[in-house]
Amino acid sequence: MLDEHVAKLIDKKKRFVLPMLVFLFAFYFMLPLSLAFFPDVMNSSSVVFQITWGWLYAFLQIPMTWIVGWLYCRNAKQLDQWIEERKQEVVS
């Protein structure tokens, strides 16, 4: 029974972590790739504060990092709560 709970826990964690890792790597590496392949677009002025799209994308990585960190903390709390509930089931 305990192995079943551990397998479910690992599955729940993988369902969150793997898509998040794919998103993070894609978001992070799109900046250098877009600068390499689309330099004219990335150097043109955006509508926000008249800075270039490259700088805007670079600055967007800061709130994206905070949001992903918050999502991870929220998910970790839910997993911790799920673990505590399973512990209570096993004990009783």
PDB file of N, CA and C in Angstrom:
ATOM      1  N   MET A   1       0.821  -1.196   0.000  1.00  0.00           N
ATOM      2  CA  MET A   1       0.000   0.000   0.000  1.00  0.00           C
ATOM      3  C   MET A   1       0.864   1.259   0.000  1.00  0.00           C
ATOM      4  N   LEU A   2       1.965   1.211   0.748  1.00  0.00           N
ATOM      5  CA  LEU A   2       2.855   2.357   0.810  1.00  0.00           C
ATOM      6  C   LEU A   2       3.536   2.599  -0.534  1.00  0.00           C
ATOM      7  N   ASP A   3       3.927   1.509  -1.210  1.00  0.00           N
ATOM      8  CA  ASP A   3       4.548   1.657  -2.533  1.00  0.00           C
ATOM      9  C   ASP A   3       3.589   2.300  -3.522  1.00  0.00           C
ATOM     10  N   GLU A   4       2.321   1.973  -3.383  1.00  0.00           N
ATOM     11  CA  GLU A   4       1.309   2.566  -4.254  1.00  0.00           C
ATOM     12  C   GLU A   4       1.216   4.080  -4.039  1.00  0.00           C
ATOM     13  N   HIS A   5       1.270   4.511  -2.783  1.00  0.00           N
ATOM     14  CA  HIS A   5       1.221   5.942  -2.460  1.00  0.00           C
ATOM     15  C   HIS A   5       2.479   6.661  -2.958  1.00  0.00           C
ATOM     16  N   VAL A   6       3.622   6.018  -2.814  1.00  0.00           N
ATOM     17  CA  VAL A   6       4.869   6.626  -3.279  1.00  0.00           C
ATOM     18  C   VAL A   6       4.856   6.769  -4.795  1.00  0.00           C
ATOM     19  N   ALA A   7       4.357   5.759  -5.483  1.00  0.00           N
ATOM     20  CA  ALA A   7       4.268   5.825  -6.950  1.00  0.00           C
ATOM     21  C   ALA A   7       3.330   6.949  -7.379  1.00  0.00           C
ATOM     22  N   LYS A   8       2.208   7.118  -6.672  1.00  0.00           N
ATOM     23  CA  LYS A   8       1.287   8.210  -6.996  1.00  0.00           C
ATOM     24  C   LYS A   8       1.937   9.567  -6.740  1.00  0.00           C
ATOM     25  N   LEU A   9       2.685   9.661  -5.647  1.00  0.00           N
ATOM     26  CA  LEU A   9       3.375  10.921  -5.324  1.00  0.00           C
ATOM     27  C   LEU A   9       4.386  11.282  -6.410  1.00  0.00           C
ATOM     28  N   ILE A  10       5.159  10.316  -6.821  1.00  0.00           N
ATOM     29  CA  ILE A  10       6.150  10.565  -7.878  1.00  0.00           C
ATOM     30  C   ILE A  10       5.459  10.955  -9.171  1.00  0.00           C
ATOM     31  N   ASP A  11       4.344  10.320  -9.478  1.00  0.00           N
ATOM     32  CA  ASP A  11       3.593  10.647 -10.687  1.00  0.00           C
ATOM     33  C   ASP A  11       3.035  12.070 -10.623  1.00  0.00           C
ATOM     34  N   LYS A  12       2.484  12.439  -9.460  1.00  0.00           N
ATOM     35  CA  LYS A  12       1.961  13.803  -9.301  1.00  0.00           C
ATOM     36  C   LYS A  12       3.073  14.833  -9.468  1.00  0.00           C
ATOM     37  N   LYS A  13       4.224  14.551  -8.894  1.00  0.00           N
ATOM     38  CA  LYS A  13       5.346  15.482  -8.989  1.00  0.00           C
ATOM     39  C   LYS A  13       5.833  15.601 -10.434  1.00  0.00           C
ATOM     40  N   LYS A  14       5.934  14.490 -11.121  1.00  0.00           N
ATOM     41  CA  LYS A  14       6.368  14.510 -12.525  1.00  0.00           C
ATOM     42  C   LYS A  14       5.409  15.286 -13.411  1.00  0.00           C
ATOM     43  N   ARG A  15       4.090  15.139 -13.141  1.00  0.00           N
ATOM     44  CA  ARG A  15       3.097  15.850 -13.949  1.00  0.00           C
ATOM     45  C   ARG A  15       3.210  17.359 -13.802  1.00  0.00           C
ATOM     46  N   PHE A  16       3.791  17.833 -12.715  1.00  0.00           N
ATOM     47  CA  PHE A  16       3.999  19.272 -12.554  1.00  0.00           C
ATOM     48  C   PHE A  16       5.378  19.692 -13.043  1.00  0.00           C
ATOM     49  N   VAL A  17       6.400  18.959 -12.631  1.00  0.00           N
ATOM     50  CA  VAL A  17       7.777  19.388 -12.872  1.00  0.00           C
ATOM     51  C   VAL A  17       8.164  19.300 -14.348  1.00  0.00           C
ATOM     52  N   LEU A  18       7.831  18.224 -15.017  1.00  0.00           N
ATOM     53  CA  LEU A  18       8.280  18.061 -16.405  1.00  0.00           C
ATOM     54  C   LEU A  18       7.708  19.121 -17.352  1.00  0.00           C
ATOM     55  N   PRO A  19       6.396  19.392 -17.346  1.00  0.00           N
ATOM     56  CA  PRO A  19       5.913  20.469 -18.223  1.00  0.00           C
ATOM     57  C   PRO A  19       6.490  21.834 -17.841  1.00  0.00           C
ATOM     58  N   MET A  20       6.693  22.056 -16.539  1.00  0.00           N
ATOM     59  CA  MET A  20       7.260  23.328 -16.107  1.00  0.00           C
ATOM     60  C   MET A  20       8.700  23.476 -16.590  1.00  0.00           C
ATOM     61  N   LEU A  21       9.473  22.395 -16.546  1.00  0.00           N
ATOM     62  CA  LEU A  21      10.845  22.440 -17.052  1.00  0.00           C
ATOM     63  C   LEU A  21      10.879  22.715 -18.550  1.00  0.00           C
ATOM     64  N   VAL A  22       9.999  22.076 -19.289  1.00  0.00           N
ATOM     65  CA  VAL A  22       9.931  22.314 -20.741  1.00  0.00           C
ATOM     66  C   VAL A  22       9.608  23.782 -21.003  1.00  0.00           C
ATOM     67  N   PHE A  23       8.629  24.312 -20.284  1.00  0.00           N
ATOM     68  CA  PHE A  23       8.266  25.718 -20.449  1.00  0.00           C
ATOM     69  C   PHE A  23       9.435  26.633 -20.095  1.00  0.00           C
ATOM     70  N   LEU A  24      10.097  26.362 -18.972  1.00  0.00           N
ATOM     71  CA  LEU A  24      11.201  27.222 -18.548  1.00  0.00           C
ATOM     72  C   LEU A  24      12.342  27.231 -19.560  1.00  0.00           C
ATOM     73  N   PHE A  25      12.726  26.046 -20.030  1.00  0.00           N
ATOM     74  CA  PHE A  25      13.806  26.001 -21.009  1.00  0.00           C
ATOM     75  C   PHE A  25      13.411  26.685 -22.313  1.00  0.00           C
ATOM     76  N   ALA A  26      12.188  26.472 -22.757  1.00  0.00           N
ATOM     77  CA  ALA A  26      11.724  27.117 -23.990  1.00  0.00           C
ATOM     78  C   ALA A  26      11.702  28.633 -23.814  1.00  0.00           C
ATOM     79  N   PHE A  27      11.168  29.107 -22.703  1.00  0.00           N
ATOM     80  CA  PHE A  27      11.090  30.548 -22.468  1.00  0.00           C
ATOM     81  C   PHE A  27      12.485  31.161 -22.353  1.00  0.00           C
ATOM     82  N   TYR A  28      13.373  30.485 -21.651  1.00  0.00           N
ATOM     83  CA  TYR A  28      14.720  31.004 -21.452  1.00  0.00           C
ATOM     84  C   TYR A  28      15.507  31.044 -22.759  1.00  0.00           C
ATOM     85  N   PHE A  29      15.465  29.960 -23.525  1.00  0.00           N
ATOM     86  CA  PHE A  29      16.283  29.886 -24.732  1.00  0.00           C
ATOM     87  C   PHE A  29      15.664  30.612 -25.926  1.00  0.00           C
ATOM     88  N   MET A  30      14.418  31.030 -25.824  1.00  0.00           N
ATOM     89  CA  MET A  30      13.829  31.797 -26.922  1.00  0.00           C
ATOM     90  C   MET A  30      14.461  33.183 -27.054  1.00  0.00           C
ATOM     91  N   LEU A  31      14.970  33.741 -25.958  1.00  0.00           N
ATOM     92  CA  LEU A  31      15.603  35.065 -26.051  1.00  0.00           C
ATOM     93  C   LEU A  31      16.850  35.017 -26.920  1.00  0.00           C
ATOM     94  N   PRO A  32      17.837  34.170 -26.622  1.00  0.00           N
ATOM     95  CA  PRO A  32      19.015  34.164 -27.510  1.00  0.00           C
ATOM     96  C   PRO A  32      18.701  33.685 -28.924  1.00  0.00           C
ATOM     97  N   LEU A  33      17.766  32.730 -29.047  1.00  0.00           N
ATOM     98  CA  LEU A  33      17.415  32.258 -30.388  1.00  0.00           C
ATOM     99  C   LEU A  33      16.713  33.341 -31.196  1.00  0.00           C
ATOM    100  N   SER A  34      15.808  34.065 -30.560  1.00  0.00           N
ATOM    101  CA  SER A  34      15.119  35.124 -31.295  1.00  0.00           C
ATOM    102  C   SER A  34      16.071  36.264 -31.630  1.00  0.00           C
ATOM    103  N   LEU A  35      17.025  36.533 -30.757  1.00  0.00           N
ATOM    104  CA  LEU A  35      18.026  37.562 -31.076  1.00  0.00           C
ATOM    105  C   LEU A  35      18.910  37.126 -32.233  1.00  0.00           C
ATOM    106  N   ALA A  36      19.190  35.834 -32.329  1.00  0.00           N
ATOM    107  CA  ALA A  36      20.041  35.333 -33.406  1.00  0.00           C
ATOM    108  C   ALA A  36      19.286  35.254 -34.735  1.00  0.00           C
ATOM    109  N   PHE A  37      18.032  34.806 -34.696  1.00  0.00           N
ATOM    110  CA  PHE A  37      17.301  34.571 -35.944  1.00  0.00           C
ATOM    111  C   PHE A  37      16.433  35.743 -36.391  1.00  0.00           C
ATOM    112  N   PHE A  38      16.016  36.588 -35.455  1.00  0.00           N
ATOM    113  CA  PHE A  38      15.158  37.729 -35.789  1.00  0.00           C
ATOM    114  C   PHE A  38      15.713  39.021 -35.189  1.00  0.00           C
ATOM    115  N   PRO A  39      16.936  39.399 -35.527  1.00  0.00           N
ATOM    116  CA  PRO A  39      17.534  40.575 -34.882  1.00  0.00           C
ATOM    117  C   PRO A  39      16.802  41.880 -35.218  1.00  0.00           C
ATOM    118  N   ASP A  40      16.269  41.988 -36.417  1.00  0.00           N
ATOM    119  CA  ASP A  40      15.563  43.225 -36.777  1.00  0.00           C
ATOM    120  C   ASP A  40      14.283  43.398 -35.958  1.00  0.00           C
ATOM    121  N   VAL A  41      13.553  42.326 -35.769  1.00  0.00           N
ATOM    122  CA  VAL A  41      12.317  42.397 -34.981  1.00  0.00           C
ATOM    123  C   VAL A  41      12.639  42.684 -33.521  1.00  0.00           C
ATOM    124  N   MET A  42      13.647  42.000 -32.981  1.00  0.00           N
ATOM    125  CA  MET A  42      13.979  42.163 -31.564  1.00  0.00           C
ATOM    126  C   MET A  42      14.591  43.534 -31.263  1.00  0.00           C
ATOM    127  N   ASN A  43      15.161  44.183 -32.270  1.00  0.00           N
ATOM    128  CA  ASN A  43      15.732  45.515 -32.074  1.00  0.00           C
ATOM    129  C   ASN A  43      14.762  46.642 -32.398  1.00  0.00           C
ATOM    130  N   SER A  44      13.570  46.299 -32.850  1.00  0.00           N
ATOM    131  CA  SER A  44      12.586  47.353 -33.124  1.00  0.00           C
ATOM    132  C   SER A  44      11.896  47.759 -31.821  1.00  0.00           C
ATOM    133  N   SER A  45      11.387  48.962 -31.802  1.00  0.00           N
ATOM    134  CA  SER A  45      10.745  49.499 -30.590  1.00  0.00           C
ATOM    135  C   SER A  45       9.386  48.852 -30.366  1.00  0.00           C
ATOM    136  N   SER A  46       9.116  48.571 -29.110  1.00  0.00           N
ATOM    137  CA  SER A  46       7.814  48.017 -28.740  1.00  0.00           C
ATOM    138  C   SER A  46       6.891  49.159 -28.333  1.00  0.00           C
ATOM    139  N   VAL A  47       5.651  48.808 -28.045  1.00  0.00           N
ATOM    140  CA  VAL A  47       4.684  49.823 -27.639  1.00  0.00           C
ATOM    141  C   VAL A  47       4.799  50.157 -26.154  1.00  0.00           C
ATOM    142  N   VAL A  48       5.541  49.346 -25.399  1.00  0.00           N
ATOM    143  CA  VAL A  48       5.690  49.547 -23.961  1.00  0.00           C
ATOM    144  C   VAL A  48       6.961  50.351 -23.691  1.00  0.00           C
ATOM    145  N   PHE A  49       6.807  51.562 -23.257  1.00  0.00           N
ATOM    146  CA  PHE A  49       7.915  52.442 -22.860  1.00  0.00           C
ATOM    147  C   PHE A  49       8.943  52.674 -23.966  1.00  0.00           C
ATOM    148  N   GLN A  50       8.614  52.323 -25.180  1.00  0.00           N
ATOM    149  CA  GLN A  50       9.492  52.523 -26.346  1.00  0.00           C
ATOM    150  C   GLN A  50      10.859  51.854 -26.179  1.00  0.00           C
ATOM    151  N   ILE A  51      10.910  50.707 -25.488  1.00  0.00           N
ATOM    152  CA  ILE A  51      12.156  49.930 -25.428  1.00  0.00           C
ATOM    153  C   ILE A  51      12.057  48.822 -26.468  1.00  0.00           C
ATOM    154  N   THR A  52      13.164  48.215 -26.803  1.00  0.00           N
ATOM    155  CA  THR A  52      13.147  47.192 -27.851  1.00  0.00           C
ATOM    156  C   THR A  52      12.512  45.906 -27.338  1.00  0.00           C
ATOM    157  N   TRP A  53      12.063  45.091 -28.284  1.00  0.00           N
ATOM    158  CA  TRP A  53      11.424  43.828 -27.930  1.00  0.00           C
ATOM    159  C   TRP A  53      12.397  42.905 -27.201  1.00  0.00           C
ATOM    160  N   GLY A  54      13.658  42.966 -27.548  1.00  0.00           N
ATOM    161  CA  GLY A  54      14.658  42.140 -26.869  1.00  0.00           C
ATOM    162  C   GLY A  54      14.749  42.471 -25.387  1.00  0.00           C
ATOM    163  N   TRP A  55      14.830  43.758 -25.069  1.00  0.00           N
ATOM    164  CA  TRP A  55      14.881  44.177 -23.667  1.00  0.00           C
ATOM    165  C   TRP A  55      13.585  43.852 -22.941  1.00  0.00           C
ATOM    166  N   LEU A  56      12.472  44.043 -23.610  1.00  0.00           N
ATOM    167  CA  LEU A  56      11.181  43.739 -22.994  1.00  0.00           C
ATOM    168  C   LEU A  56      11.082  42.249 -22.656  1.00  0.00           C
ATOM    169  N   TYR A  57      11.509  41.411 -23.590  1.00  0.00           N
ATOM    170  CA  TYR A  57      11.485  39.968 -23.349  1.00  0.00           C
ATOM    171  C   TYR A  57      12.431  39.598 -22.206  1.00  0.00           C
ATOM    172  N   ALA A  58      13.598  40.230 -22.175  1.00  0.00           N
ATOM    173  CA  ALA A  58      14.560  39.951 -21.104  1.00  0.00           C
ATOM    174  C   ALA A  58      13.987  40.353 -19.747  1.00  0.00           C
ATOM    175  N   PHE A  59      13.340  41.506 -19.677  1.00  0.00           N
ATOM    176  CA  PHE A  59      12.752  41.948 -18.411  1.00  0.00           C
ATOM    177  C   PHE A  59      11.561  41.077 -18.011  1.00  0.00           C
ATOM    178  N   LEU A  60      10.855  40.505 -18.972  1.00  0.00           N
ATOM    179  CA  LEU A  60       9.725  39.625 -18.661  1.00  0.00           C
ATOM    180  C   LEU A  60      10.176  38.319 -18.008  1.00  0.00           C
ATOM    181  N   GLN A  61      11.451  37.977 -18.153  1.00  0.00           N
ATOM    182  CA  GLN A  61      11.938  36.759 -17.523  1.00  0.00           C
ATOM    183  C   GLN A  61      11.979  36.883 -15.999  1.00  0.00           C
ATOM    184  N   ILE A  62      12.064  38.089 -15.483  1.00  0.00           N
ATOM    185  CA  ILE A  62      12.086  38.283 -14.026  1.00  0.00           C
ATOM    186  C   ILE A  62      10.726  37.937 -13.414  1.00  0.00           C
ATOM    187  N   PRO A  63       9.605  38.547 -13.860  1.00  0.00           N
ATOM    188  CA  PRO A  63       8.326  38.141 -13.268  1.00  0.00           C
ATOM    189  C   PRO A  63       7.971  36.690 -13.582  1.00  0.00           C
ATOM    190  N   MET A  64       8.408  36.200 -14.737  1.00  0.00           N
ATOM    191  CA  MET A  64       8.141  34.798 -15.061  1.00  0.00           C
ATOM    192  C   MET A  64       8.813  33.882 -14.045  1.00  0.00           C
ATOM    193  N   THR A  65      10.026  34.213 -13.633  1.00  0.00           N
ATOM    194  CA  THR A  65      10.733  33.411 -12.644  1.00  0.00           C
ATOM    195  C   THR A  65      10.003  33.436 -11.305  1.00  0.00           C
ATOM    196  N   TRP A  66       9.530  34.597 -10.884  1.00  0.00           N
ATOM    197  CA  TRP A  66       8.785  34.709  -9.633  1.00  0.00           C
ATOM    198  C   TRP A  66       7.474  33.932  -9.697  1.00  0.00           C
ATOM    199  N   ILE A  67       6.788  34.000 -10.816  1.00  0.00           N
ATOM    200  CA  ILE A  67       5.516  33.293 -10.961  1.00  0.00           C
ATOM    201  C   ILE A  67       5.740  31.781 -10.922  1.00  0.00           C
ATOM    202  N   VAL A  68       6.755  31.306 -11.620  1.00  0.00           N
ATOM    203  CA  VAL A  68       7.048  29.870 -11.616  1.00  0.00           C
ATOM    204  C   VAL A  68       7.451  29.414 -10.214  1.00  0.00           C
ATOM    205  N   GLY A  69       8.237  30.225  -9.512  1.00  0.00           N
ATOM    206  CA  GLY A  69       8.596  29.894  -8.131  1.00  0.00           C
ATOM    207  C   GLY A  69       7.384  29.819  -7.231  1.00  0.00           C
ATOM    208  N   TRP A  70       6.453  30.756  -7.404  1.00  0.00           N
ATOM    209  CA  TRP A  70       5.221  30.749  -6.617  1.00  0.00           C
ATOM    210  C   TRP A  70       4.387  29.505  -6.934  1.00  0.00           C
ATOM    211  N   LEU A  71       4.276  29.168  -8.229  1.00  0.00           N
ATOM    212  CA  LEU A  71       3.528  27.973  -8.608  1.00  0.00           C
ATOM    213  C   LEU A  71       4.148  26.716  -8.020  1.00  0.00           C
ATOM    214  N   TYR A  72       5.471  26.662  -8.017  1.00  0.00           N
ATOM    215  CA  TYR A  72       6.143  25.494  -7.452  1.00  0.00           C
ATOM    216  C   TYR A  72       5.894  25.394  -5.948  1.00  0.00           C
ATOM    217  N   CYS A  73       5.976  26.509  -5.243  1.00  0.00           N
ATOM    218  CA  CYS A  73       5.713  26.499  -3.795  1.00  0.00           C
ATOM    219  C   CYS A  73       4.291  26.068  -3.504  1.00  0.00           C
ATOM    220  N   ARG A  74       3.344  26.571  -4.272  1.00  0.00           N
ATOM    221  CA  ARG A  74       1.945  26.202  -4.083  1.00  0.00           C
ATOM    222  C   ARG A  74       1.750  24.710  -4.322  1.00  0.00           C
ATOM    223  N   ASN A  75       2.371  24.191  -5.384  1.00  0.00           N
ATOM    224  CA  ASN A  75       2.264  22.766  -5.687  1.00  0.00           C
ATOM    225  C   ASN A  75       2.942  21.929  -4.610  1.00  0.00           C
ATOM    226  N   ALA A  76       4.079  22.383  -4.103  1.00  0.00           N
ATOM    227  CA  ALA A  76       4.779  21.647  -3.048  1.00  0.00           C
ATOM    228  C   ALA A  76       3.937  21.586  -1.776  1.00  0.00           C
ATOM    229  N   LYS A  77       3.245  22.670  -1.442  1.00  0.00           N
ATOM    230  CA  LYS A  77       2.357  22.653  -0.273  1.00  0.00           C
ATOM    231  C   LYS A  77       1.234  21.648  -0.460  1.00  0.00           C
ATOM    232  N   GLN A  78       0.668  21.596  -1.654  1.00  0.00           N
ATOM    233  CA  GLN A  78      -0.405  20.639  -1.926  1.00  0.00           C
ATOM    234  C   GLN A  78       0.115  19.206  -1.825  1.00  0.00           C
ATOM    235  N   LEU A  79       1.324  18.971  -2.340  1.00  0.00           N
ATOM    236  CA  LEU A  79       1.895  17.628  -2.242  1.00  0.00           C
ATOM    237  C   LEU A  79       2.198  17.270  -0.797  1.00  0.00           C
ATOM    238  N   ASP A  80       2.698  18.220  -0.011  1.00  0.00           N
ATOM    239  CA  ASP A  80       2.949  17.967   1.408  1.00  0.00           C
ATOM    240  C   ASP A  80       1.660  17.625   2.134  1.00  0.00           C
ATOM    241  N   GLN A  81       0.593  18.335   1.818  1.00  0.00           N
ATOM    242  CA  GLN A  81      -0.701  18.065   2.432  1.00  0.00           C
ATOM    243  C   GLN A  81      -1.201  16.674   2.022  1.00  0.00           C
ATOM    244  N   TRP A  82      -1.002  16.316   0.770  1.00  0.00           N
ATOM    245  CA  TRP A  82      -1.403  15.004   0.278  1.00  0.00           C
ATOM    246  C   TRP A  82      -0.619  13.911   0.997  1.00  0.00           C
ATOM    247  N   ILE A  83       0.692  14.144   1.218  1.00  0.00           N
ATOM    248  CA  ILE A  83       1.527  13.177   1.935  1.00  0.00           C
ATOM    249  C   ILE A  83       1.035  12.995   3.365  1.00  0.00           C
ATOM    250  N   GLU A  84       0.717  14.084   4.038  1.00  0.00           N
ATOM    251  CA  GLU A  84       0.225  13.997   5.416  1.00  0.00           C
ATOM    252  C   GLU A  84      -1.087  13.216   5.483  1.00  0.00           C
ATOM    253  N   GLU A  85      -1.960  13.425   4.510  1.00  0.00           N
ATOM    254  CA  GLU A  85      -3.218  12.676   4.477  1.00  0.00           C
ATOM    255  C   GLU A  85      -2.957  11.182   4.279  1.00  0.00           C
ATOM    256  N   ARG A  86      -2.010  10.831   3.415  1.00  0.00           N
ATOM    257  CA  ARG A  86      -1.679   9.423   3.199  1.00  0.00           C
ATOM    258  C   ARG A  86      -1.055   8.826   4.451  1.00  0.00           C
ATOM    259  N   LYS A  87      -0.228   9.605   5.150  1.00  0.00           N
ATOM    260  CA  LYS A  87       0.365   9.112   6.397  1.00  0.00           C
ATOM    261  C   LYS A  87      -0.714   8.776   7.413  1.00  0.00           C
ATOM    262  N   GLN A  88      -1.711   9.653   7.521  1.00  0.00           N
ATOM    263  CA  GLN A  88      -2.798   9.405   8.461  1.00  0.00           C
ATOM    264  C   GLN A  88      -3.595   8.155   8.082  1.00  0.00           C
ATOM    265  N   GLU A  89      -3.754   7.902   6.778  1.00  0.00           N
ATOM    266  CA  GLU A  89      -4.454   6.702   6.329  1.00  0.00           C
ATOM    267  C   GLU A  89      -3.669   5.441   6.683  1.00  0.00           C
ATOM    268  N   VAL A  90      -2.352   5.498   6.505  1.00  0.00           N
ATOM    269  CA  VAL A  90      -1.512   4.344   6.773  1.00  0.00           C
ATOM    270  C   VAL A  90      -1.459   4.051   8.273  1.00  0.00           C
ATOM    271  N   VAL A  91      -1.368   5.093   9.090  1.00  0.00           N
ATOM    272  CA  VAL A  91      -1.291   4.940  10.532  1.00  0.00           C
ATOM    273  C   VAL A  91      -2.592   4.387  11.084  1.00  0.00           C
ATOM    274  N   SER A  92      -3.719   4.854  10.587  1.00  0.00           N
ATOM    275  CA  SER A  92      -4.999   4.406  11.159  1.00  0.00           C
ATOM    276  C   SER A  92      -5.513   3.140  10.525  1.00  0.00           C
TER     277      SER A  92
END
